[in-house]
Amino acid sequence: INQNNVKEKVLFTELEIFNNKNNAGILLKKAKVCNLDTSQIGVPFLWDGRNCFMGDVDVIKFFQDKII
């Protein structure tokens, strides 16, 4: 994200979930929208308004597709 200046090219919000219960709740809600097993979700996690992306590979591909 930093190396490719993604923050300057794609609008998104980063939320810290480890120490913030409200943000962790947001993550769980989005995972449920995508019918994911909430006991198996992890970070990085991205929700684009319709779809969930989880894990380095999927999240990186999402951003690569947006900046190319």
PDB file of N, CA and C in Angstrom:
ATOM      1  N   ILE A   1       0.833  -1.190   0.000  1.00  0.00           N
ATOM      2  CA  ILE A   1       0.000   0.000   0.000  1.00  0.00           C
ATOM      3  C   ILE A   1       0.874   1.248   0.000  1.00  0.00           C
ATOM      4  N   ASN A   2       1.839   1.291   0.890  1.00  0.00           N
ATOM      5  CA  ASN A   2       2.719   2.461   0.943  1.00  0.00           C
ATOM      6  C   ASN A   2       3.642   2.527  -0.265  1.00  0.00           C
ATOM      7  N   GLN A   3       4.217   1.391  -0.617  1.00  0.00           N
ATOM      8  CA  GLN A   3       5.192   1.335  -1.698  1.00  0.00           C
ATOM      9  C   GLN A   3       4.595   1.784  -3.037  1.00  0.00           C
ATOM     10  N   ASN A   4       3.323   1.495  -3.254  1.00  0.00           N
ATOM     11  CA  ASN A   4       2.669   1.827  -4.519  1.00  0.00           C
ATOM     12  C   ASN A   4       1.755   3.043  -4.423  1.00  0.00           C
ATOM     13  N   ASN A   5       1.851   3.778  -3.319  1.00  0.00           N
ATOM     14  CA  ASN A   5       1.036   4.982  -3.120  1.00  0.00           C
ATOM     15  C   ASN A   5      -0.458   4.727  -3.323  1.00  0.00           C
ATOM     16  N   VAL A   6      -0.919   3.579  -2.859  1.00  0.00           N
ATOM     17  CA  VAL A   6      -2.318   3.206  -3.042  1.00  0.00           C
ATOM     18  C   VAL A   6      -3.245   4.206  -2.363  1.00  0.00           C
ATOM     19  N   LYS A   7      -2.849   4.737  -1.216  1.00  0.00           N
ATOM     20  CA  LYS A   7      -3.708   5.685  -0.494  1.00  0.00           C
ATOM     21  C   LYS A   7      -3.997   6.932  -1.309  1.00  0.00           C
ATOM     22  N   GLU A   8      -3.128   7.263  -2.229  1.00  0.00           N
ATOM     23  CA  GLU A   8      -3.348   8.424  -3.091  1.00  0.00           C
ATOM     24  C   GLU A   8      -4.210   8.092  -4.308  1.00  0.00           C
ATOM     25  N   LYS A   9      -4.377   6.805  -4.591  1.00  0.00           N
ATOM     26  CA  LYS A   9      -5.074   6.381  -5.797  1.00  0.00           C
ATOM     27  C   LYS A   9      -6.444   5.761  -5.545  1.00  0.00           C
ATOM     28  N   VAL A  10      -6.639   5.201  -4.356  1.00  0.00           N
ATOM     29  CA  VAL A  10      -7.882   4.492  -4.036  1.00  0.00           C
ATOM     30  C   VAL A  10      -8.383   4.987  -2.682  1.00  0.00           C
ATOM     31  N   LEU A  11      -9.635   5.377  -2.629  1.00  0.00           N
ATOM     32  CA  LEU A  11     -10.229   5.826  -1.384  1.00  0.00           C
ATOM     33  C   LEU A  11     -10.640   4.608  -0.557  1.00  0.00           C
ATOM     34  N   PHE A  12     -10.115   4.497   0.647  1.00  0.00           N
ATOM     35  CA  PHE A  12     -10.506   3.424   1.552  1.00  0.00           C
ATOM     36  C   PHE A  12     -10.222   3.848   2.983  1.00  0.00           C
ATOM     37  N   THR A  13     -10.835   3.139   3.910  1.00  0.00           N
ATOM     38  CA  THR A  13     -10.683   3.429   5.328  1.00  0.00           C
ATOM     39  C   THR A  13     -10.013   2.254   6.004  1.00  0.00           C
ATOM     40  N   GLU A  14      -9.002   2.539   6.784  1.00  0.00           N
ATOM     41  CA  GLU A  14      -8.327   1.503   7.570  1.00  0.00           C
ATOM     42  C   GLU A  14      -8.893   1.529   8.982  1.00  0.00           C
ATOM     43  N   LEU A  15      -9.195   0.360   9.519  1.00  0.00           N
ATOM     44  CA  LEU A  15      -9.685   0.252  10.882  1.00  0.00           C
ATOM     45  C   LEU A  15      -8.809  -0.718  11.665  1.00  0.00           C
ATOM     46  N   GLU A  16      -8.425  -0.322  12.851  1.00  0.00           N
ATOM     47  CA  GLU A  16      -7.646  -1.172  13.747  1.00  0.00           C
ATOM     48  C   GLU A  16      -8.650  -1.996  14.555  1.00  0.00           C
ATOM     49  N   ILE A  17      -8.531  -3.319  14.530  1.00  0.00           N
ATOM     50  CA  ILE A  17      -9.538  -4.156  15.192  1.00  0.00           C
ATOM     51  C   ILE A  17      -9.049  -4.847  16.456  1.00  0.00           C
ATOM     52  N   PHE A  18      -7.752  -4.934  16.654  1.00  0.00           N
ATOM     53  CA  PHE A  18      -7.238  -5.674  17.806  1.00  0.00           C
ATOM     54  C   PHE A  18      -7.574  -4.975  19.115  1.00  0.00           C
ATOM     55  N   ASN A  19      -7.393  -3.679  19.164  1.00  0.00           N
ATOM     56  CA  ASN A  19      -7.620  -2.915  20.392  1.00  0.00           C
ATOM     57  C   ASN A  19      -8.918  -2.115  20.372  1.00  0.00           C
ATOM     58  N   ASN A  20      -9.709  -2.227  19.319  1.00  0.00           N
ATOM     59  CA  ASN A  20     -10.915  -1.430  19.196  1.00  0.00           C
ATOM     60  C   ASN A  20     -12.118  -2.351  18.959  1.00  0.00           C
ATOM     61  N   LYS A  21     -12.914  -2.554  20.000  1.00  0.00           N
ATOM     62  CA  LYS A  21     -14.053  -3.481  19.917  1.00  0.00           C
ATOM     63  C   LYS A  21     -15.098  -3.021  18.910  1.00  0.00           C
ATOM     64  N   ASN A  22     -15.292  -1.711  18.786  1.00  0.00           N
ATOM     65  CA  ASN A  22     -16.250  -1.196  17.812  1.00  0.00           C
ATOM     66  C   ASN A  22     -15.828  -1.572  16.395  1.00  0.00           C
ATOM     67  N   ASN A  23     -14.561  -1.382  16.088  1.00  0.00           N
ATOM     68  CA  ASN A  23     -14.054  -1.743  14.758  1.00  0.00           C
ATOM     69  C   ASN A  23     -14.114  -3.250  14.536  1.00  0.00           C
ATOM     70  N   ALA A  24     -13.831  -4.028  15.573  1.00  0.00           N
ATOM     71  CA  ALA A  24     -13.924  -5.491  15.465  1.00  0.00           C
ATOM     72  C   ALA A  24     -15.365  -5.894  15.159  1.00  0.00           C
ATOM     73  N   GLY A  25     -16.323  -5.191  15.750  1.00  0.00           N
ATOM     74  CA  GLY A  25     -17.732  -5.460  15.470  1.00  0.00           C
ATOM     75  C   GLY A  25     -18.086  -5.149  14.030  1.00  0.00           C
ATOM     76  N   ILE A  26     -17.515  -4.080  13.495  1.00  0.00           N
ATOM     77  CA  ILE A  26     -17.738  -3.730  12.087  1.00  0.00           C
ATOM     78  C   ILE A  26     -17.214  -4.855  11.193  1.00  0.00           C
ATOM     79  N   LEU A  27     -16.035  -5.365  11.498  1.00  0.00           N
ATOM     80  CA  LEU A  27     -15.459  -6.475  10.730  1.00  0.00           C
ATOM     81  C   LEU A  27     -16.392  -7.682  10.752  1.00  0.00           C
ATOM     82  N   LEU A  28     -16.903  -8.027  11.921  1.00  0.00           N
ATOM     83  CA  LEU A  28     -17.803  -9.175  12.030  1.00  0.00           C
ATOM     84  C   LEU A  28     -19.079  -8.964  11.209  1.00  0.00           C
ATOM     85  N   LYS A  29     -19.632  -7.763  11.247  1.00  0.00           N
ATOM     86  CA  LYS A  29     -20.842  -7.478  10.470  1.00  0.00           C
ATOM     87  C   LYS A  29     -20.598  -7.638   8.978  1.00  0.00           C
ATOM     88  N   LYS A  30     -19.473  -7.141   8.500  1.00  0.00           N
ATOM     89  CA  LYS A  30     -19.166  -7.261   7.071  1.00  0.00           C
ATOM     90  C   LYS A  30     -18.929  -8.711   6.689  1.00  0.00           C
ATOM     91  N   ALA A  31     -18.272  -9.460   7.557  1.00  0.00           N
ATOM     92  CA  ALA A  31     -18.048 -10.882   7.286  1.00  0.00           C
ATOM     93  C   ALA A  31     -19.377 -11.626   7.188  1.00  0.00           C
ATOM     94  N   LYS A  32     -20.315 -11.267   8.047  1.00  0.00           N
ATOM     95  CA  LYS A  32     -21.637 -11.911   8.008  1.00  0.00           C
ATOM     96  C   LYS A  32     -22.377 -11.567   6.719  1.00  0.00           C
ATOM     97  N   VAL A  33     -22.241 -10.322   6.247  1.00  0.00           N
ATOM     98  CA  VAL A  33     -22.855  -9.918   4.978  1.00  0.00           C
ATOM     99  C   VAL A  33     -22.358 -10.815   3.853  1.00  0.00           C
ATOM    100  N   CYS A  34     -21.098 -11.206   3.923  1.00  0.00           N
ATOM    101  CA  CYS A  34     -20.490 -12.052   2.886  1.00  0.00           C
ATOM    102  C   CYS A  34     -20.631 -13.543   3.196  1.00  0.00           C
ATOM    103  N   ASN A  35     -21.421 -13.871   4.207  1.00  0.00           N
ATOM    104  CA  ASN A  35     -21.656 -15.262   4.604  1.00  0.00           C
ATOM    105  C   ASN A  35     -20.374 -16.011   4.951  1.00  0.00           C
ATOM    106  N   LEU A  36     -19.427 -15.304   5.576  1.00  0.00           N
ATOM    107  CA  LEU A  36     -18.187 -15.942   6.007  1.00  0.00           C
ATOM    108  C   LEU A  36     -18.332 -16.477   7.421  1.00  0.00           C
ATOM    109  N   ASP A  37     -17.642 -17.542   7.702  1.00  0.00           N
ATOM    110  CA  ASP A  37     -17.594 -18.097   9.049  1.00  0.00           C
ATOM    111  C   ASP A  37     -16.817 -17.125   9.923  1.00  0.00           C
ATOM    112  N   THR A  38     -17.482 -16.475  10.854  1.00  0.00           N
ATOM    113  CA  THR A  38     -16.828 -15.438  11.653  1.00  0.00           C
ATOM    114  C   THR A  38     -15.728 -15.982  12.556  1.00  0.00           C
ATOM    115  N   SER A  39     -15.682 -17.283  12.759  1.00  0.00           N
ATOM    116  CA  SER A  39     -14.591 -17.854  13.551  1.00  0.00           C
ATOM    117  C   SER A  39     -13.332 -18.045  12.702  1.00  0.00           C
ATOM    118  N   GLN A  40     -13.456 -17.837  11.394  1.00  0.00           N
ATOM    119  CA  GLN A  40     -12.336 -18.056  10.485  1.00  0.00           C
ATOM    120  C   GLN A  40     -11.846 -16.779   9.804  1.00  0.00           C
ATOM    121  N   ILE A  41     -12.379 -15.621  10.189  1.00  0.00           N
ATOM    122  CA  ILE A  41     -11.955 -14.390   9.528  1.00  0.00           C
ATOM    123  C   ILE A  41     -10.670 -13.862  10.134  1.00  0.00           C
ATOM    124  N   GLY A  42      -9.931 -13.153   9.342  1.00  0.00           N
ATOM    125  CA  GLY A  42      -8.677 -12.577   9.801  1.00  0.00           C
ATOM    126  C   GLY A  42      -8.343 -11.335   9.003  1.00  0.00           C
ATOM    127  N   VAL A  43      -7.186 -10.820   9.250  1.00  0.00           N
ATOM    128  CA  VAL A  43      -6.728  -9.621   8.550  1.00  0.00           C
ATOM    129  C   VAL A  43      -5.495  -9.966   7.737  1.00  0.00           C
ATOM    130  N   PRO A  44      -5.292  -9.297   6.635  1.00  0.00           N
ATOM    131  CA  PRO A  44      -6.079  -8.171   6.166  1.00  0.00           C
ATOM    132  C   PRO A  44      -7.442  -8.624   5.668  1.00  0.00           C
ATOM    133  N   PHE A  45      -8.394  -7.737   5.846  1.00  0.00           N
ATOM    134  CA  PHE A  45      -9.773  -7.963   5.431  1.00  0.00           C
ATOM    135  C   PHE A  45     -10.233  -6.692   4.736  1.00  0.00           C
ATOM    136  N   LEU A  46     -10.893  -6.857   3.611  1.00  0.00           N
ATOM    137  CA  LEU A  46     -11.370  -5.699   2.854  1.00  0.00           C
ATOM    138  C   LEU A  46     -12.803  -5.964   2.434  1.00  0.00           C
ATOM    139  N   TRP A  47     -13.637  -4.963   2.618  1.00  0.00           N
ATOM    140  CA  TRP A  47     -15.012  -5.016   2.137  1.00  0.00           C
ATOM    141  C   TRP A  47     -15.189  -3.839   1.197  1.00  0.00           C
ATOM    142  N   ASP A  48     -15.583  -4.109  -0.033  1.00  0.00           N
ATOM    143  CA  ASP A  48     -15.680  -3.042  -1.040  1.00  0.00           C
ATOM    144  C   ASP A  48     -17.099  -2.499  -1.211  1.00  0.00           C
ATOM    145  N   GLY A  49     -17.971  -2.845  -0.307  1.00  0.00           N
ATOM    146  CA  GLY A  49     -19.361  -2.411  -0.397  1.00  0.00           C
ATOM    147  C   GLY A  49     -20.282  -3.513  -0.887  1.00  0.00           C
ATOM    148  N   ARG A  50     -19.701  -4.535  -1.491  1.00  0.00           N
ATOM    149  CA  ARG A  50     -20.463  -5.687  -1.983  1.00  0.00           C
ATOM    150  C   ARG A  50     -19.780  -7.004  -1.672  1.00  0.00           C
ATOM    151  N   ASN A  51     -18.448  -7.014  -1.739  1.00  0.00           N
ATOM    152  CA  ASN A  51     -17.679  -8.247  -1.618  1.00  0.00           C
ATOM    153  C   ASN A  51     -16.649  -8.143  -0.511  1.00  0.00           C
ATOM    154  N   CYS A  52     -16.316  -9.287   0.054  1.00  0.00           N
ATOM    155  CA  CYS A  52     -15.264  -9.363   1.061  1.00  0.00           C
ATOM    156  C   CYS A  52     -14.017  -9.991   0.444  1.00  0.00           C
ATOM    157  N   PHE A  53     -12.880  -9.466   0.840  1.00  0.00           N
ATOM    158  CA  PHE A  53     -11.585  -9.999   0.419  1.00  0.00           C
ATOM    159  C   PHE A  53     -10.780 -10.219   1.693  1.00  0.00           C
ATOM    160  N   MET A  54     -10.196 -11.385   1.818  1.00  0.00           N
ATOM    161  CA  MET A  54      -9.469 -11.695   3.039  1.00  0.00           C
ATOM    162  C   MET A  54      -8.135 -12.335   2.684  1.00  0.00           C
ATOM    163  N   GLY A  55      -7.106 -11.899   3.379  1.00  0.00           N
ATOM    164  CA  GLY A  55      -5.774 -12.432   3.164  1.00  0.00           C
ATOM    165  C   GLY A  55      -4.964 -11.553   2.234  1.00  0.00           C
ATOM    166  N   ASP A  56      -3.666 -11.654   2.372  1.00  0.00           N
ATOM    167  CA  ASP A  56      -2.751 -10.819   1.589  1.00  0.00           C
ATOM    168  C   ASP A  56      -2.997 -10.915   0.097  1.00  0.00           C
ATOM    169  N   VAL A  57      -3.092 -12.117  -0.418  1.00  0.00           N
ATOM    170  CA  VAL A  57      -3.191 -12.322  -1.869  1.00  0.00           C
ATOM    171  C   VAL A  57      -4.424 -11.633  -2.436  1.00  0.00           C
ATOM    172  N   ASP A  58      -5.591 -11.861  -1.834  1.00  0.00           N
ATOM    173  CA  ASP A  58      -6.835 -11.287  -2.360  1.00  0.00           C
ATOM    174  C   ASP A  58      -6.877  -9.765  -2.216  1.00  0.00           C
ATOM    175  N   VAL A  59      -6.411  -9.254  -1.080  1.00  0.00           N
ATOM    176  CA  VAL A  59      -6.442  -7.808  -0.853  1.00  0.00           C
ATOM    177  C   VAL A  59      -5.449  -7.105  -1.780  1.00  0.00           C
ATOM    178  N   ILE A  60      -4.273  -7.660  -1.936  1.00  0.00           N
ATOM    179  CA  ILE A  60      -3.281  -7.066  -2.839  1.00  0.00           C
ATOM    180  C   ILE A  60      -3.807  -7.065  -4.268  1.00  0.00           C
ATOM    181  N   LYS A  61      -4.405  -8.168  -4.705  1.00  0.00           N
ATOM    182  CA  LYS A  61      -4.958  -8.227  -6.054  1.00  0.00           C
ATOM    183  C   LYS A  61      -6.055  -7.183  -6.240  1.00  0.00           C
ATOM    184  N   PHE A  62      -6.912  -7.004  -5.251  1.00  0.00           N
ATOM    185  CA  PHE A  62      -7.959  -5.983  -5.325  1.00  0.00           C
ATOM    186  C   PHE A  62      -7.351  -4.610  -5.597  1.00  0.00           C
ATOM    187  N   PHE A  63      -6.347  -4.232  -4.806  1.00  0.00           N
ATOM    188  CA  PHE A  63      -5.730  -2.923  -4.991  1.00  0.00           C
ATOM    189  C   PHE A  63      -4.956  -2.828  -6.297  1.00  0.00           C
ATOM    190  N   GLN A  64      -4.285  -3.905  -6.688  1.00  0.00           N
ATOM    191  CA  GLN A  64      -3.572  -3.877  -7.969  1.00  0.00           C
ATOM    192  C   GLN A  64      -4.543  -3.632  -9.116  1.00  0.00           C
ATOM    193  N   ASP A  65      -5.677  -4.279  -9.083  1.00  0.00           N
ATOM    194  CA  ASP A  65      -6.682  -4.098 -10.136  1.00  0.00           C
ATOM    195  C   ASP A  65      -7.203  -2.671 -10.164  1.00  0.00           C
ATOM    196  N   LYS A  66      -7.260  -2.022  -9.010  1.00  0.00           N
ATOM    197  CA  LYS A  66      -7.776  -0.651  -8.926  1.00  0.00           C
ATOM    198  C   LYS A  66      -6.770   0.384  -9.426  1.00  0.00           C
ATOM    199  N   ILE A  67      -5.469   0.121  -9.261  1.00  0.00           N
ATOM    200  CA  ILE A  67      -4.476   1.147  -9.606  1.00  0.00           C
ATOM    201  C   ILE A  67      -3.875   0.960 -10.993  1.00  0.00           C
ATOM    202  N   ILE A  68      -4.191  -0.151 -11.642  1.00  0.00           N
ATOM    203  CA  ILE A  68      -3.630  -0.400 -12.987  1.00  0.00           C
ATOM    204  C   ILE A  68      -4.493   0.267 -14.029  1.00  0.00           C
TER     205      ILE A  68
END
